[in-house]
N, C-alpha and C. Protein backbone atom coordinates (compact mmCIF):
# COMPACT_ATOMS: atom_id res chain seq x y z
N MET A 1 30.17 10.97 -1.89
CA MET A 1 30.41 11.80 -2.74
C MET A 1 31.12 11.04 -4.20
N ALA A 2 30.72 11.64 -4.81
CA ALA A 2 31.05 10.90 -5.84
C ALA A 2 31.82 11.77 -6.96
N ASP A 3 33.27 11.91 -8.00
CA ASP A 3 33.76 12.17 -8.69
C ASP A 3 33.62 11.68 -10.60
N LEU A 4 33.22 12.67 -10.15
CA LEU A 4 32.79 12.57 -12.16
C LEU A 4 33.98 12.19 -13.22
N ASP A 5 33.78 11.16 -14.42
CA ASP A 5 35.07 11.31 -14.51
C ASP A 5 35.25 10.93 -16.50
N ASP A 6 35.53 10.81 -16.78
CA ASP A 6 36.08 10.64 -19.12
C ASP A 6 35.56 10.31 -18.89
N ARG A 7 34.79 9.31 -18.63
CA ARG A 7 34.64 8.21 -19.08
C ARG A 7 32.82 7.96 -20.60
N ASN A 8 32.28 8.53 -19.72
CA ASN A 8 31.08 9.47 -20.82
C ASN A 8 31.22 10.56 -20.48
N PRO A 9 31.80 11.46 -20.87
CA PRO A 9 31.68 13.08 -20.73
C PRO A 9 30.17 14.34 -20.87
N ARG A 10 29.86 13.70 -21.93
CA ARG A 10 28.74 14.02 -22.60
C ARG A 10 27.22 13.84 -21.51
N THR A 11 27.81 12.41 -21.13
CA THR A 11 26.22 12.34 -20.49
C THR A 11 26.33 12.68 -18.86
N ALA A 12 27.90 13.19 -18.49
CA ALA A 12 27.79 12.70 -17.06
C ALA A 12 27.14 14.22 -16.74
N ALA A 13 28.23 15.00 -17.83
CA ALA A 13 27.85 16.71 -18.23
C ALA A 13 26.53 16.73 -18.09
N ALA A 14 25.26 16.07 -19.00
CA ALA A 14 23.82 15.89 -18.74
C ALA A 14 23.43 16.15 -17.49
N ILE A 15 23.92 14.60 -16.66
CA ILE A 15 23.47 14.54 -15.41
C ILE A 15 23.37 15.93 -14.82
N TYR A 16 25.05 16.13 -14.81
CA TYR A 16 25.07 17.19 -13.80
C TYR A 16 25.27 19.08 -14.22
N GLN A 17 24.30 19.21 -15.18
CA GLN A 17 23.90 19.81 -15.25
C GLN A 17 22.44 19.96 -14.95
N SER A 18 21.99 18.63 -14.26
CA SER A 18 20.05 18.04 -13.85
C SER A 18 20.24 18.89 -12.76
N LEU A 19 21.15 18.46 -11.84
CA LEU A 19 21.27 18.61 -9.99
C LEU A 19 20.82 19.97 -10.38
N PRO A 20 19.55 19.65 -8.63
CA PRO A 20 20.06 18.35 -8.31
C PRO A 20 18.87 17.81 -8.57
N LEU A 21 19.49 16.03 -8.02
CA LEU A 21 18.51 15.65 -8.62
C LEU A 21 16.85 14.47 -7.06
N GLU A 22 15.81 15.02 -6.86
CA GLU A 22 15.21 13.35 -5.80
C GLU A 22 14.56 12.21 -6.22
N ALA A 23 15.26 11.53 -6.14
CA ALA A 23 14.08 10.22 -6.30
C ALA A 23 14.10 8.99 -5.23
N ARG A 24 13.47 7.94 -5.45
CA ARG A 24 13.06 7.07 -5.11
C ARG A 24 14.44 5.88 -5.10
N ALA A 25 14.81 5.32 -4.36
CA ALA A 25 15.79 4.36 -4.59
C ALA A 25 15.07 2.56 -4.41
N SER A 26 15.36 2.24 -5.65
CA SER A 26 15.05 0.66 -6.06
C SER A 26 16.48 -0.01 -5.90
N LEU A 27 16.41 -1.74 -5.86
CA LEU A 27 17.34 -2.46 -5.31
C LEU A 27 17.58 -3.18 -6.88
N TRP A 28 18.67 -3.87 -7.31
CA TRP A 28 18.71 -5.05 -8.47
C TRP A 28 19.91 -5.43 -7.69
N GLY A 29 20.02 -6.46 -7.14
CA GLY A 29 22.06 -7.51 -6.35
C GLY A 29 22.14 -5.97 -5.66
N GLU A 30 23.39 -6.27 -5.51
CA GLU A 30 24.38 -4.85 -5.21
C GLU A 30 24.84 -3.56 -6.06
N GLU A 31 22.88 -2.99 -6.67
CA GLU A 31 22.64 -2.02 -7.10
C GLU A 31 22.19 -1.14 -6.55
N VAL A 32 22.47 0.37 -6.07
CA VAL A 32 20.92 0.65 -5.81
C VAL A 32 20.75 2.00 -7.60
N TYR A 33 19.06 2.19 -8.13
CA TYR A 33 19.60 2.77 -8.87
C TYR A 33 17.69 3.92 -8.69
N PHE A 34 18.02 4.58 -10.22
CA PHE A 34 16.59 5.18 -9.78
C PHE A 34 16.62 5.87 -10.55
N GLU A 35 15.23 6.22 -10.93
CA GLU A 35 14.83 7.34 -12.68
C GLU A 35 15.28 8.42 -11.83
N VAL A 36 15.36 9.08 -13.09
CA VAL A 36 15.41 10.16 -13.64
C VAL A 36 15.18 10.91 -14.57
N PRO A 37 14.76 11.67 -14.59
CA PRO A 37 13.22 12.95 -15.45
C PRO A 37 14.65 13.30 -17.35
N GLN A 38 15.73 12.76 -17.70
CA GLN A 38 16.90 13.11 -17.96
C GLN A 38 16.88 11.58 -19.00
N LYS A 39 16.56 11.81 -20.47
CA LYS A 39 15.97 11.20 -21.66
C LYS A 39 17.44 10.54 -22.42
N LEU A 40 18.78 10.22 -22.47
CA LEU A 40 19.93 10.23 -22.56
C LEU A 40 19.71 9.11 -23.93
N ASP A 41 21.52 9.30 -25.13
CA ASP A 41 21.09 8.84 -25.22
C ASP A 41 22.49 7.94 -25.42
N ASP A 42 22.84 6.74 -25.38
CA ASP A 42 23.79 5.70 -25.23
C ASP A 42 25.08 6.77 -25.20
N GLU A 43 26.38 6.93 -25.20
CA GLU A 43 27.42 7.42 -25.45
C GLU A 43 28.96 6.46 -25.45
N ASN A 44 29.68 5.18 -24.62
CA ASN A 44 30.01 3.97 -24.72
C ASN A 44 29.57 3.34 -23.39
N ILE A 45 29.21 2.65 -23.75
CA ILE A 45 28.52 1.59 -22.80
C ILE A 45 29.68 0.42 -22.47
N SER A 46 29.35 -0.57 -21.31
CA SER A 46 29.87 -0.96 -20.45
C SER A 46 28.94 -2.12 -20.09
N PRO A 47 29.16 -3.19 -20.13
CA PRO A 47 28.39 -4.17 -20.25
C PRO A 47 28.70 -4.66 -18.79
N ASP A 48 29.84 -4.09 -18.09
CA ASP A 48 30.56 -4.67 -16.18
C ASP A 48 29.82 -3.51 -15.56
N ALA A 49 30.59 -3.47 -14.87
CA ALA A 49 30.77 -2.21 -14.02
C ALA A 49 31.03 -2.91 -12.03
N GLN A 50 32.41 -2.20 -11.25
CA GLN A 50 33.09 -2.16 -10.46
C GLN A 50 32.43 -1.50 -8.87
N LYS A 51 32.88 -2.49 -8.12
CA LYS A 51 32.70 -1.59 -6.82
C LYS A 51 32.53 -0.29 -7.25
N GLY A 52 31.90 0.26 -7.05
CA GLY A 52 31.60 1.86 -6.45
C GLY A 52 31.95 3.14 -8.43
N ASP A 53 31.09 2.72 -8.91
CA ASP A 53 30.57 2.77 -10.20
C ASP A 53 29.75 3.95 -10.64
N LEU A 54 29.30 4.91 -10.06
CA LEU A 54 28.00 5.64 -10.95
C LEU A 54 27.64 5.88 -12.13
N SER A 55 26.78 4.98 -12.62
CA SER A 55 26.30 5.13 -14.49
C SER A 55 24.95 5.87 -14.31
N TYR A 56 25.37 5.69 -15.72
CA TYR A 56 23.30 6.06 -16.46
C TYR A 56 23.63 4.92 -17.07
N TRP A 57 21.89 3.68 -16.46
CA TRP A 57 21.49 3.17 -17.31
C TRP A 57 19.67 3.93 -18.59
N SER A 58 20.47 3.56 -20.15
CA SER A 58 19.45 4.56 -20.44
C SER A 58 18.62 3.90 -20.91
N PRO A 59 17.84 2.34 -21.08
CA PRO A 59 16.68 1.74 -20.98
C PRO A 59 16.18 2.45 -19.26
N GLY A 60 16.00 2.25 -18.72
CA GLY A 60 15.66 3.07 -17.50
C GLY A 60 15.28 3.92 -17.00
N SER A 61 16.34 4.72 -18.06
CA SER A 61 16.47 6.66 -18.11
C SER A 61 16.63 6.63 -15.81
N ALA A 62 17.55 6.13 -15.81
CA ALA A 62 17.90 5.97 -14.07
C ALA A 62 19.79 6.21 -14.30
N ILE A 63 19.96 6.29 -12.93
CA ILE A 63 21.54 6.56 -12.21
C ILE A 63 21.35 5.12 -12.03
N CYS A 64 22.25 4.49 -11.56
CA CYS A 64 23.50 3.29 -10.82
C CYS A 64 24.28 3.87 -9.68
N ILE A 65 24.39 2.85 -8.97
CA ILE A 65 25.15 2.43 -8.00
C ILE A 65 25.56 1.81 -7.63
N PHE A 66 26.82 1.36 -8.31
CA PHE A 66 27.06 0.14 -7.92
C PHE A 66 27.84 -0.30 -6.73
N PHE A 67 27.39 -0.91 -5.63
CA PHE A 67 28.07 -0.67 -3.98
C PHE A 67 28.81 -2.19 -3.80
N GLY A 68 28.30 -3.26 -5.03
CA GLY A 68 29.28 -4.50 -5.01
C GLY A 68 29.96 -5.33 -6.41
N LYS A 69 29.57 -6.46 -6.39
CA LYS A 69 29.94 -7.68 -7.02
C LYS A 69 28.14 -7.23 -8.33
N THR A 70 28.00 -7.15 -8.28
CA THR A 70 26.30 -6.48 -9.24
C THR A 70 26.57 -6.59 -10.69
N LYS A 71 26.35 -7.22 -10.83
CA LYS A 71 26.65 -6.87 -12.67
C LYS A 71 25.42 -6.48 -13.31
N PRO A 72 25.64 -5.19 -14.26
CA PRO A 72 24.04 -4.69 -14.66
C PRO A 72 23.45 -5.21 -15.41
N TYR A 73 21.89 -5.14 -15.27
CA TYR A 73 20.72 -5.94 -15.86
C TYR A 73 21.65 -5.89 -17.27
N SER A 74 22.11 -4.61 -18.52
CA SER A 74 22.20 -4.41 -18.98
C SER A 74 23.03 -3.75 -19.35
N PRO A 75 24.06 -2.87 -20.45
CA PRO A 75 24.80 -2.23 -20.48
C PRO A 75 24.71 -0.79 -20.11
N VAL A 76 25.77 -0.01 -19.04
CA VAL A 76 25.33 1.18 -19.04
C VAL A 76 26.66 2.02 -19.47
N ASN A 77 26.31 3.06 -19.17
CA ASN A 77 27.71 4.71 -19.43
C ASN A 77 28.30 5.02 -18.17
N HIS A 78 28.92 4.28 -17.52
CA HIS A 78 29.84 5.15 -16.42
C HIS A 78 30.27 6.47 -16.01
N ILE A 79 29.07 6.85 -15.31
CA ILE A 79 30.41 8.91 -15.78
C ILE A 79 31.11 8.86 -14.70
N GLY A 80 31.22 7.80 -13.52
CA GLY A 80 31.89 9.36 -12.03
C GLY A 80 31.93 7.14 -10.89
N ARG A 81 32.66 8.09 -9.97
CA ARG A 81 32.75 6.83 -9.26
C ARG A 81 32.27 7.41 -7.75
N ILE A 82 31.74 6.35 -6.50
CA ILE A 82 32.19 6.89 -5.28
C ILE A 82 32.94 7.19 -4.20
N VAL A 83 33.77 8.10 -4.22
CA VAL A 83 34.85 7.62 -3.19
C VAL A 83 34.68 8.29 -2.30
N ILE A 84 33.82 9.05 -1.89
CA ILE A 84 33.34 8.31 -0.01
C ILE A 84 31.89 8.75 0.31
N GLY A 85 31.72 6.79 1.15
CA GLY A 85 30.56 6.84 2.00
C GLY A 85 29.63 5.58 0.79
N LEU A 86 30.05 5.12 0.05
CA LEU A 86 30.06 3.36 -0.49
C LEU A 86 29.08 3.12 0.34
N ASP A 87 29.72 2.77 1.42
CA ASP A 87 28.92 1.37 2.54
C ASP A 87 27.93 2.33 2.56
N LEU A 88 27.69 3.16 2.27
CA LEU A 88 26.13 3.88 3.53
C LEU A 88 25.32 3.49 1.94
N PHE A 89 25.45 2.61 1.42
CA PHE A 89 24.85 2.03 0.17
C PHE A 89 24.01 0.67 0.46
N LYS A 90 24.95 -0.19 1.12
CA LYS A 90 23.94 -1.10 2.25
C LYS A 90 23.50 -0.64 2.68
N LEU A 91 23.10 0.53 3.20
CA LEU A 91 21.78 0.50 3.91
C LEU A 91 20.69 0.81 3.85
N VAL A 92 20.55 1.45 2.38
CA VAL A 92 20.02 1.43 1.42
C VAL A 92 18.51 0.77 1.53
N GLU A 93 17.17 1.31 1.75
CA GLU A 93 16.22 -0.35 1.27
C GLU A 93 15.05 0.87 -0.11
N GLU A 94 14.59 0.02 -0.66
CA GLU A 94 13.33 0.13 -1.32
C GLU A 94 12.31 1.34 -0.39
N GLY A 95 12.72 2.02 -1.85
CA GLY A 95 11.60 3.12 -1.11
C GLY A 95 12.05 5.06 -1.03
N ASP A 96 13.64 4.50 0.00
CA ASP A 96 14.18 5.66 0.40
C ASP A 96 14.73 6.73 -0.71
N ARG A 97 14.34 7.55 0.53
CA ARG A 97 15.02 9.15 -0.56
C ARG A 97 16.41 9.34 -0.98
N ILE A 98 16.39 9.26 -2.25
CA ILE A 98 17.45 9.49 -2.60
C ILE A 98 18.02 11.56 -3.56
N ILE A 99 19.27 11.06 -2.58
CA ILE A 99 18.85 13.14 -3.14
C ILE A 99 20.62 13.13 -3.89
N LEU A 100 20.54 14.10 -5.01
CA LEU A 100 22.04 13.99 -5.91
C LEU A 100 22.25 15.49 -6.24
N ASN A 101 22.97 15.99 -5.73
CA ASN A 101 23.34 17.53 -5.05
C ASN A 101 24.88 17.89 -5.49
N ARG A 102 25.16 18.79 -6.39
CA ARG A 102 26.60 19.50 -6.21
C ARG A 102 26.97 19.52 -5.74
N ALA A 103 28.31 19.26 -5.15
CA ALA A 103 29.80 19.70 -4.17
C ALA A 103 29.10 21.03 -4.14
């Protein structure tokens, strides 16, 4: 479960309005990411991420979920935080099905 926040409100709103989304997981260090159909412009990018950050990465049109100490490949737009179930992302394998729904 994730809570959206106000770090990048336009980006968060665009992703939220597009839910539900389904994709296949990719891994980068302690980050799960997956491509989404939205091609959004950067809003307020950050070169760093903290454990639990939910972010949008514009160069790859992807959602990123940081479950460890991995630094983003390039700056991301943080849109929220994982508040329940973050440890489950340690179990994700390349190609696993990911579904984002509204609560």
